[in-house]
Structure formats: C-alpha cells, structure tokens
Amino acid sequence: MPRVDFYILRQAEPAQRVHFCCRLAARAWREGLGVWIRTRDASASEQLDEALWTFDEASFIPHGTTSLDGDNPIVINHEASPGALLINLADSLPEDWQERDRIAEIITADEATRQAGRVRYRDYQQAGATPQTHRIEH
C-alpha cells in the first residue's frame, strides 16, 4: 500500500496549489524519485508545464508532458504515466494508484477542492490506506 499524504494549504487560490506542486515535484526529483503529476486535462498539464519552467529561476527542473520512455523524471499528464510519486491534482483516483510508492494530494481552501479531497481521502481509507494530513501555513 502506498504512503498517502494530504497537504492542506491555507490559501484558496489555484496558483498556490500549482506553486506547492512545483516545490514538491522538485524536491522529489532531487531525492531521486520519478514523479507523475496527474492533472485533470491537457490544458492543466500545459499550465503546470509552464509553471515548472518559471517557478524557480535559479534551477532547472527536468520535466515534460510525456515520459519519453522513462527519460523524463517528472511527467505532467492527465493520462497514466510512470513515477514512484504520484502528485494527484485531478478530482479522482487513477486506476493504478496502488502501484505507486507515494501519493501526494494538494488541497487548497476553496470549497470545491476541499470537497473533492474529502471524497478521495475516504476512497483511500476504504481501500486500506492510512492517509496522513499536513497543514501548510505558508
């Protein structure tokens, strides 16, 4: 069973969720983990792709919207992709979530994101996972 972490942000703005996702993906890459950032659609994938190019001007974070046969350490896509860490920005669980080592859910303060997060939290619990919650204050 994968480790499941819910990161609860104080802010409601979608930009805060994107920024935290970029930070989390960069940290995981530096630790040697392959990352799949699961988005809700192709438009969200493109937005996050752009954000990873610009969120930290001091560093280069290798990523893309396709896996390139495993050569991209961070893949941003709404379709199944490789990665030990799944950062789930979609409103549902992917079919293969139990095959991951770790899952990160990033929840902002807006009601729609929180409600969808609550459903996923219950889904994880019902499947036998023990989600951990982390409140992020900045």
Protein backbone atom coordinates (compact mmCIF):
# COMPACT_ATOMS: atom_id res chain seq x y z
CA MET A 1 0.00 0.00 0.00
CA PRO A 2 1.47 3.40 -0.91
CA ARG A 3 2.09 6.18 1.56
CA VAL A 4 -0.63 8.83 1.06
CA ASP A 5 -0.03 12.43 2.17
CA PHE A 6 -2.60 15.22 2.05
CA TYR A 7 -1.08 18.71 2.06
CA ILE A 8 -3.67 21.23 3.22
CA LEU A 9 -2.93 24.80 2.11
CA ARG A 10 -4.45 27.83 3.85
CA GLN A 11 -4.91 29.71 0.61
CA ALA A 12 -7.77 29.20 -1.85
CA GLU A 13 -6.00 30.46 -4.99
CA PRO A 14 -5.21 27.83 -7.65
CA ALA A 15 -1.79 29.48 -8.15
CA GLN A 16 -0.81 28.45 -4.61
CA ARG A 17 -1.64 24.83 -5.39
CA VAL A 18 0.45 24.96 -8.57
CA HIS A 19 3.40 26.57 -6.77
CA PHE A 20 3.32 24.00 -3.95
CA CYS A 21 3.11 21.21 -6.52
CA CYS A 22 6.20 22.56 -8.28
CA ARG A 23 8.12 22.71 -5.00
CA LEU A 24 7.08 19.18 -4.07
CA ALA A 25 7.96 17.76 -7.51
CA ALA A 26 11.37 19.49 -7.48
CA ARG A 27 12.16 18.13 -4.04
CA ALA A 28 11.13 14.60 -5.04
CA TRP A 29 13.27 14.79 -8.20
CA ARG A 30 16.27 15.93 -6.15
CA GLU A 31 15.70 12.89 -3.92
CA GLY A 32 15.81 10.63 -6.98
CA LEU A 33 12.11 9.85 -7.29
CA GLY A 34 10.29 9.65 -10.60
CA VAL A 35 7.17 11.83 -10.45
CA TRP A 36 3.84 11.71 -12.25
CA ILE A 37 1.84 14.90 -11.77
CA ARG A 38 -1.70 13.89 -12.67
CA THR A 39 -3.80 16.77 -13.94
CA ARG A 40 -7.48 16.96 -14.82
CA ASP A 41 -6.92 17.65 -18.54
CA ALA A 42 -4.44 18.66 -21.25
CA SER A 43 -4.92 22.38 -20.55
CA ALA A 44 -3.99 21.93 -16.88
CA SER A 45 -0.95 19.88 -17.96
CA GLU A 46 0.24 22.72 -20.19
CA GLN A 47 -0.25 25.26 -17.40
CA LEU A 48 1.77 23.18 -14.95
CA ASP A 49 4.45 22.51 -17.58
CA GLU A 50 4.90 26.27 -17.94
CA ALA A 51 4.91 26.77 -14.16
CA LEU A 52 7.74 24.27 -13.69
CA TRP A 53 9.87 26.28 -16.14
CA THR A 54 9.33 29.54 -14.26
CA PHE A 55 8.65 28.86 -10.57
CA ASP A 56 12.34 28.81 -9.58
CA GLU A 57 14.58 30.94 -11.76
CA ALA A 58 17.71 29.63 -10.03
CA SER A 59 17.30 25.99 -11.05
CA PHE A 60 16.34 23.71 -13.90
CA ILE A 61 13.78 21.03 -13.14
CA PRO A 62 13.68 18.41 -15.92
CA HIS A 63 10.10 17.63 -16.87
CA GLY A 64 7.66 17.25 -19.73
CA THR A 65 4.19 16.13 -20.71
CA THR A 66 5.36 12.72 -21.94
CA SER A 67 7.61 10.14 -20.31
CA LEU A 68 9.97 9.79 -23.29
CA ASP A 69 10.28 6.08 -22.46
CA GLY A 70 11.22 6.89 -18.88
CA ASP A 71 13.76 9.63 -19.65
CA ASN A 72 11.60 12.43 -18.18
CA PRO A 73 11.89 12.27 -14.38
CA ILE A 74 8.78 14.45 -13.93
CA VAL A 75 5.83 13.76 -16.20
CA ILE A 76 2.82 16.09 -16.24
CA ASN A 77 -0.18 14.44 -17.80
CA HIS A 78 -3.83 13.53 -17.28
CA GLU A 79 -3.15 10.04 -18.67
CA ALA A 80 -1.30 7.26 -16.84
CA SER A 81 2.45 7.85 -16.66
CA PRO A 82 5.40 6.32 -14.80
CA GLY A 83 6.58 7.59 -11.43
CA ALA A 84 7.07 6.31 -7.89
CA LEU A 85 5.44 9.51 -6.60
CA LEU A 86 2.00 10.46 -7.85
CA ILE A 87 1.04 14.09 -7.23
CA ASN A 88 -2.69 13.98 -7.86
CA LEU A 89 -4.26 17.25 -8.96
CA ALA A 90 -7.28 15.55 -10.52
CA ASP A 91 -10.61 15.12 -8.73
CA SER A 92 -10.50 11.32 -8.72
CA LEU A 93 -8.08 8.48 -8.07
CA PRO A 94 -6.24 6.95 -11.01
CA GLU A 95 -6.83 3.24 -11.54
CA ASP A 96 -3.19 2.35 -10.79
CA TRP A 97 -2.75 4.40 -7.60
CA GLN A 98 -1.94 1.32 -5.52
CA GLU A 99 1.09 0.62 -7.73
CA ARG A 100 2.83 3.84 -6.60
CA ASP A 101 5.23 4.17 -3.66
CA ARG A 102 3.85 7.53 -2.57
CA ILE A 103 0.87 9.73 -3.34
CA ALA A 104 0.57 13.43 -2.62
CA GLU A 105 -2.75 15.26 -2.64
CA ILE A 106 -2.62 19.06 -2.53
CA ILE A 107 -5.78 20.65 -1.16
CA THR A 108 -6.49 24.39 -1.18
CA ALA A 109 -9.04 26.28 0.90
CA ASP A 110 -11.65 26.63 -1.86
CA GLU A 111 -14.74 24.55 -1.19
CA ALA A 112 -14.76 22.55 -4.45
CA THR A 113 -11.16 21.38 -3.99
CA ARG A 114 -11.76 20.53 -0.33
CA GLN A 115 -14.92 18.57 -1.07
CA ALA A 116 -13.23 16.54 -3.83
CA GLY A 117 -10.29 15.96 -1.46
CA ARG A 118 -12.60 14.64 1.25
CA VAL A 119 -14.04 12.10 -1.20
CA ARG A 120 -10.55 10.94 -2.22
CA TYR A 121 -9.48 10.74 1.46
CA ARG A 122 -12.42 8.38 2.14
CA ASP A 123 -11.62 6.38 -1.01
CA TYR A 124 -8.05 5.84 0.19
CA GLN A 125 -9.25 4.82 3.65
CA GLN A 126 -11.82 2.39 2.28
CA ALA A 127 -9.11 0.78 0.14
CA GLY A 128 -6.95 0.21 3.25
CA ALA A 129 -4.54 3.18 3.06
CA THR A 130 -3.87 5.42 6.06
CA PRO A 131 -3.64 8.97 4.70
CA GLN A 132 -1.51 11.46 6.64
CA THR A 133 -2.50 15.13 6.80
CA HIS A 134 -0.02 18.03 6.78
CA ARG A 135 -1.17 21.62 7.26
CA ILE A 136 0.98 24.03 5.26
CA GLU A 137 0.94 27.52 6.72
CA HIS A 138 2.96 29.40 4.07
